[in-house]
Amino acid sequence: MMLMGLSIIFIGIIYLIYSILFRNKVTLWHKNNNMIILNEKGYFKLQLYFSMISFLLFLLTGILVITITNINTSYIILSVFIFHIINCLFKIQSKKLEYISYK
C-alpha cells in the first residue's frame, strides 16, 4: 500500500503543478461549449482555490493509504468521487458568483 499511497500523492503534486502553470486557462474538465466566462480574473482565481482543495484531498488520501496498514480500495474510489464533487461545486459556485453563464 506504500506504493499506492505515494502514487496518489504524486498525482496530487502533478495536479497542483498543472493548476499553477495553467492558472489562466480553463481546465479540461471545466470546458463546455455553452459556457461563457464573464469575469476571467475571478473565475481563474476561484479555479486555483478549488484545485488547491483537490490537491489537499489527494495528499490526505495518500497519507491515509500509507499510514493505515489494512486499508481497502474504497478510500481511493471515494477520493475520486469527492474530486468530481469538488469540480461540480466549483461550477456551481462560479455560476452563483456570476463568473460564468451558459447560452
N, C-alpha and C. Protein backbone atom coordinates (compact mmCIF):
# COMPACT_ATOMS: atom_id res chain seq x y z
N MET A 1 0.81 -1.20 0.00
CA MET A 1 0.00 0.00 0.00
C MET A 1 0.86 1.27 0.00
N MET A 2 2.12 1.10 0.34
CA MET A 2 3.02 2.26 0.35
C MET A 2 3.13 2.84 -1.06
N LEU A 3 3.28 1.98 -2.05
CA LEU A 3 3.40 2.44 -3.44
C LEU A 3 2.11 3.10 -3.90
N MET A 4 0.97 2.56 -3.50
CA MET A 4 -0.32 3.14 -3.88
C MET A 4 -0.48 4.53 -3.27
N GLY A 5 -0.13 4.68 -2.00
CA GLY A 5 -0.23 5.98 -1.33
C GLY A 5 0.70 7.01 -1.94
N LEU A 6 1.93 6.61 -2.25
CA LEU A 6 2.87 7.53 -2.90
C LEU A 6 2.40 7.91 -4.29
N SER A 7 1.76 6.99 -4.99
CA SER A 7 1.22 7.30 -6.31
C SER A 7 0.12 8.35 -6.23
N ILE A 8 -0.74 8.22 -5.23
CA ILE A 8 -1.82 9.20 -5.05
C ILE A 8 -1.25 10.57 -4.73
N ILE A 9 -0.25 10.62 -3.86
CA ILE A 9 0.40 11.89 -3.52
C ILE A 9 1.08 12.48 -4.76
N PHE A 10 1.73 11.63 -5.55
CA PHE A 10 2.40 12.08 -6.77
C PHE A 10 1.39 12.66 -7.76
N ILE A 11 0.24 12.01 -7.92
CA ILE A 11 -0.81 12.53 -8.79
C ILE A 11 -1.29 13.89 -8.29
N GLY A 12 -1.43 14.03 -6.98
CA GLY A 12 -1.83 15.31 -6.40
C GLY A 12 -0.82 16.41 -6.67
N ILE A 13 0.46 16.09 -6.57
CA ILE A 13 1.51 17.08 -6.83
C ILE A 13 1.51 17.48 -8.29
N ILE A 14 1.37 16.52 -9.19
CA ILE A 14 1.30 16.83 -10.62
C ILE A 14 0.08 17.70 -10.90
N TYR A 15 -1.04 17.38 -10.27
CA TYR A 15 -2.25 18.16 -10.46
C TYR A 15 -2.06 19.60 -9.98
N LEU A 16 -1.40 19.78 -8.84
CA LEU A 16 -1.16 21.13 -8.32
C LEU A 16 -0.23 21.91 -9.25
N ILE A 17 0.82 21.28 -9.74
CA ILE A 17 1.74 21.95 -10.67
C ILE A 17 1.01 22.33 -11.94
N TYR A 18 0.18 21.44 -12.47
CA TYR A 18 -0.62 21.73 -13.66
C TYR A 18 -1.54 22.92 -13.41
N SER A 19 -2.16 22.94 -12.24
CA SER A 19 -3.08 24.03 -11.92
C SER A 19 -2.38 25.37 -11.81
N ILE A 20 -1.17 25.37 -11.28
CA ILE A 20 -0.43 26.62 -11.15
C ILE A 20 0.10 27.08 -12.50
N LEU A 21 0.62 26.14 -13.30
CA LEU A 21 1.16 26.52 -14.60
C LEU A 21 0.09 27.05 -15.54
N PHE A 22 -1.09 26.45 -15.51
CA PHE A 22 -2.17 26.83 -16.41
C PHE A 22 -3.30 27.52 -15.65
N ARG A 23 -2.94 28.38 -14.72
CA ARG A 23 -3.95 29.04 -13.89
C ARG A 23 -4.76 30.08 -14.65
N ASN A 24 -4.30 30.50 -15.82
CA ASN A 24 -5.04 31.46 -16.62
C ASN A 24 -5.73 30.82 -17.82
N LYS A 25 -5.99 29.52 -17.74
CA LYS A 25 -6.71 28.80 -18.78
C LYS A 25 -7.80 27.96 -18.12
N VAL A 26 -8.86 27.72 -18.87
CA VAL A 26 -9.92 26.86 -18.37
C VAL A 26 -9.43 25.43 -18.44
N THR A 27 -9.51 24.70 -17.33
CA THR A 27 -9.02 23.34 -17.31
C THR A 27 -9.93 22.42 -18.12
N LEU A 28 -9.42 21.27 -18.49
CA LEU A 28 -10.12 20.37 -19.40
C LEU A 28 -11.48 19.93 -18.90
N TRP A 29 -11.60 19.62 -17.61
CA TRP A 29 -12.87 19.10 -17.11
C TRP A 29 -13.90 20.19 -16.86
N HIS A 30 -13.51 21.45 -17.08
CA HIS A 30 -14.46 22.55 -16.95
C HIS A 30 -14.86 23.13 -18.30
N LYS A 31 -14.22 22.68 -19.36
CA LYS A 31 -14.53 23.24 -20.68
C LYS A 31 -15.92 22.79 -21.10
N ASN A 32 -16.66 23.75 -21.62
CA ASN A 32 -18.00 23.49 -22.09
C ASN A 32 -18.27 24.48 -23.21
N ASN A 33 -18.81 24.00 -24.32
CA ASN A 33 -19.08 24.89 -25.45
C ASN A 33 -20.13 25.94 -25.12
N ASN A 34 -21.00 25.64 -24.17
CA ASN A 34 -22.07 26.57 -23.82
C ASN A 34 -21.67 27.57 -22.75
N MET A 35 -20.48 27.42 -22.17
CA MET A 35 -20.06 28.27 -21.06
C MET A 35 -19.41 29.56 -21.58
N ILE A 36 -19.82 30.67 -20.98
CA ILE A 36 -19.23 31.97 -21.29
C ILE A 36 -18.66 32.53 -19.99
N ILE A 37 -17.38 32.89 -20.01
CA ILE A 37 -16.74 33.45 -18.83
C ILE A 37 -17.00 34.95 -18.80
N LEU A 38 -17.65 35.40 -17.74
CA LEU A 38 -17.98 36.82 -17.60
C LEU A 38 -16.90 37.60 -16.86
N ASN A 39 -16.30 36.96 -15.85
CA ASN A 39 -15.28 37.60 -15.03
C ASN A 39 -14.07 36.67 -15.01
N GLU A 40 -13.12 36.88 -15.92
CA GLU A 40 -11.99 35.97 -16.05
C GLU A 40 -11.11 35.95 -14.79
N LYS A 41 -10.81 37.11 -14.26
CA LYS A 41 -9.91 37.17 -13.10
C LYS A 41 -10.50 36.41 -11.91
N GLY A 42 -11.76 36.64 -11.61
CA GLY A 42 -12.40 35.94 -10.51
C GLY A 42 -12.55 34.46 -10.76
N TYR A 43 -12.86 34.09 -12.00
CA TYR A 43 -13.04 32.69 -12.35
C TYR A 43 -11.74 31.92 -12.19
N PHE A 44 -10.64 32.47 -12.72
CA PHE A 44 -9.37 31.77 -12.63
C PHE A 44 -8.84 31.71 -11.20
N LYS A 45 -9.12 32.71 -10.42
CA LYS A 45 -8.73 32.71 -9.01
C LYS A 45 -9.49 31.62 -8.26
N LEU A 46 -10.79 31.54 -8.50
CA LEU A 46 -11.62 30.51 -7.87
C LEU A 46 -11.20 29.12 -8.33
N GLN A 47 -10.86 28.99 -9.61
CA GLN A 47 -10.40 27.71 -10.14
C GLN A 47 -9.13 27.26 -9.43
N LEU A 48 -8.21 28.19 -9.18
CA LEU A 48 -6.97 27.86 -8.49
C LEU A 48 -7.25 27.44 -7.04
N TYR A 49 -8.16 28.12 -6.36
CA TYR A 49 -8.50 27.73 -5.00
C TYR A 49 -9.10 26.33 -4.94
N PHE A 50 -9.98 26.02 -5.85
CA PHE A 50 -10.58 24.70 -5.86
C PHE A 50 -9.56 23.62 -6.24
N SER A 51 -8.57 23.96 -7.09
CA SER A 51 -7.55 22.97 -7.38
C SER A 51 -6.64 22.72 -6.18
N MET A 52 -6.43 23.74 -5.36
CA MET A 52 -5.66 23.53 -4.13
C MET A 52 -6.42 22.63 -3.16
N ILE A 53 -7.72 22.79 -3.10
CA ILE A 53 -8.54 21.92 -2.26
C ILE A 53 -8.46 20.48 -2.77
N SER A 54 -8.49 20.30 -4.08
CA SER A 54 -8.37 18.96 -4.66
C SER A 54 -7.00 18.36 -4.38
N PHE A 55 -5.96 19.19 -4.44
CA PHE A 55 -4.61 18.71 -4.10
C PHE A 55 -4.56 18.22 -2.66
N LEU A 56 -5.15 18.99 -1.76
CA LEU A 56 -5.16 18.57 -0.35
C LEU A 56 -5.91 17.26 -0.17
N LEU A 57 -6.97 17.06 -0.95
CA LEU A 57 -7.70 15.80 -0.91
C LEU A 57 -6.80 14.64 -1.33
N PHE A 58 -6.07 14.79 -2.43
CA PHE A 58 -5.15 13.74 -2.87
C PHE A 58 -4.06 13.50 -1.84
N LEU A 59 -3.54 14.56 -1.26
CA LEU A 59 -2.48 14.44 -0.26
C LEU A 59 -2.97 13.68 0.97
N LEU A 60 -4.13 14.05 1.48
CA LEU A 60 -4.68 13.36 2.66
C LEU A 60 -5.02 11.90 2.35
N THR A 61 -5.55 11.64 1.18
CA THR A 61 -5.86 10.26 0.81
C THR A 61 -4.58 9.44 0.72
N GLY A 62 -3.54 9.99 0.12
CA GLY A 62 -2.27 9.28 0.03
C GLY A 62 -1.67 9.00 1.39
N ILE A 63 -1.75 9.96 2.29
CA ILE A 63 -1.22 9.76 3.65
C ILE A 63 -2.03 8.70 4.38
N LEU A 64 -3.35 8.72 4.21
CA LEU A 64 -4.19 7.69 4.83
C LEU A 64 -3.85 6.30 4.31
N VAL A 65 -3.65 6.19 3.02
CA VAL A 65 -3.34 4.88 2.43
C VAL A 65 -1.99 4.39 2.94
N ILE A 66 -1.03 5.29 3.12
CA ILE A 66 0.29 4.89 3.60
C ILE A 66 0.24 4.49 5.07
N THR A 67 -0.46 5.26 5.90
CA THR A 67 -0.42 5.02 7.35
C THR A 67 -1.31 3.88 7.82
N ILE A 68 -2.44 3.68 7.19
CA ILE A 68 -3.33 2.60 7.60
C ILE A 68 -2.91 1.33 6.87
N THR A 69 -2.56 0.32 7.63
CA THR A 69 -1.98 -0.88 7.02
C THR A 69 -3.00 -1.75 6.29
N ASN A 70 -4.19 -1.89 6.83
CA ASN A 70 -5.16 -2.78 6.19
C ASN A 70 -6.31 -1.97 5.58
N ILE A 71 -5.96 -1.11 4.66
CA ILE A 71 -6.94 -0.25 4.02
C ILE A 71 -7.45 -0.92 2.73
N ASN A 72 -8.71 -0.76 2.47
CA ASN A 72 -9.23 -1.30 1.22
C ASN A 72 -9.30 -0.20 0.17
N THR A 73 -9.67 -0.56 -1.03
CA THR A 73 -9.65 0.39 -2.14
C THR A 73 -10.82 1.37 -2.11
N SER A 74 -11.71 1.22 -1.16
CA SER A 74 -12.86 2.13 -1.13
C SER A 74 -12.44 3.57 -0.84
N TYR A 75 -11.36 3.79 -0.10
CA TYR A 75 -10.87 5.15 0.15
C TYR A 75 -10.39 5.80 -1.14
N ILE A 76 -9.75 5.01 -1.98
CA ILE A 76 -9.25 5.54 -3.25
C ILE A 76 -10.41 5.88 -4.16
N ILE A 77 -11.39 5.01 -4.24
CA ILE A 77 -12.58 5.27 -5.06
C ILE A 77 -13.34 6.46 -4.50
N LEU A 78 -13.43 6.56 -3.18
CA LEU A 78 -14.11 7.68 -2.54
C LEU A 78 -13.41 8.99 -2.84
N SER A 79 -12.08 8.99 -2.87
CA SER A 79 -11.36 10.24 -3.15
C SER A 79 -11.60 10.70 -4.59
N VAL A 80 -11.70 9.77 -5.53
CA VAL A 80 -12.00 10.15 -6.92
C VAL A 80 -13.41 10.71 -7.00
N PHE A 81 -14.34 10.12 -6.29
CA PHE A 81 -15.71 10.61 -6.26
C PHE A 81 -15.78 12.01 -5.65
N ILE A 82 -15.06 12.23 -4.57
CA ILE A 82 -15.03 13.54 -3.93
C ILE A 82 -14.36 14.57 -4.85
N PHE A 83 -13.35 14.15 -5.61
CA PHE A 83 -12.70 15.04 -6.57
C PHE A 83 -13.72 15.56 -7.59
N HIS A 84 -14.58 14.69 -8.08
CA HIS A 84 -15.60 15.12 -9.03
C HIS A 84 -16.65 16.00 -8.37
N ILE A 85 -16.96 15.73 -7.12
CA ILE A 85 -17.90 16.58 -6.39
C ILE A 85 -17.31 17.99 -6.23
N ILE A 86 -16.02 18.07 -5.92
CA ILE A 86 -15.36 19.37 -5.78
C ILE A 86 -15.43 20.14 -7.10
N ASN A 87 -15.23 19.45 -8.22
CA ASN A 87 -15.32 20.12 -9.51
C ASN A 87 -16.74 20.58 -9.80
N CYS A 88 -17.73 19.80 -9.42
CA CYS A 88 -19.13 20.23 -9.60
C CYS A 88 -19.45 21.43 -8.71
N LEU A 89 -18.94 21.42 -7.48
CA LEU A 89 -19.15 22.57 -6.59
C LEU A 89 -18.47 23.82 -7.14
N PHE A 90 -17.35 23.65 -7.82
CA PHE A 90 -16.68 24.79 -8.44
C PHE A 90 -17.57 25.41 -9.51
N LYS A 91 -18.18 24.58 -10.34
CA LYS A 91 -19.06 25.10 -11.38
C LYS A 91 -20.26 25.82 -10.76
N ILE A 92 -20.83 25.23 -9.72
CA ILE A 92 -21.99 25.85 -9.06
C ILE A 92 -21.59 27.18 -8.43
N GLN A 93 -20.46 27.21 -7.76
CA GLN A 93 -20.02 28.43 -7.08
C GLN A 93 -19.68 29.52 -8.09
N SER A 94 -19.03 29.16 -9.19
CA SER A 94 -18.68 30.19 -10.17
C SER A 94 -19.93 30.73 -10.87
N LYS A 95 -20.94 29.90 -11.02
CA LYS A 95 -22.20 30.40 -11.59
C LYS A 95 -22.92 31.29 -10.58
N LYS A 96 -22.88 30.90 -9.30
CA LYS A 96 -23.52 31.70 -8.26
C LYS A 96 -22.87 33.07 -8.13
N LEU A 97 -21.55 33.13 -8.24
CA LEU A 97 -20.83 34.41 -8.16
C LEU A 97 -20.87 35.18 -9.47
N GLU A 98 -21.54 34.62 -10.46
CA GLU A 98 -21.72 35.22 -11.79
C GLU A 98 -20.38 35.42 -12.50
N TYR A 99 -19.48 34.45 -12.34
CA TYR A 99 -18.23 34.45 -13.10
C TYR A 99 -18.44 33.82 -14.47
N ILE A 100 -19.45 32.94 -14.57
CA ILE A 100 -19.76 32.28 -15.83
C ILE A 100 -21.26 32.32 -16.06
N SER A 101 -21.62 32.09 -17.30
CA SER A 101 -23.03 31.89 -17.65
C SER A 101 -23.09 30.88 -18.78
N TYR A 102 -24.24 30.37 -19.03
CA TYR A 102 -24.43 29.38 -20.09
C TYR A 102 -25.39 29.93 -21.13
N LYS A 103 -25.16 29.56 -22.39
CA LYS A 103 -26.01 30.01 -23.51
C LYS A 103 -27.39 29.41 -23.40
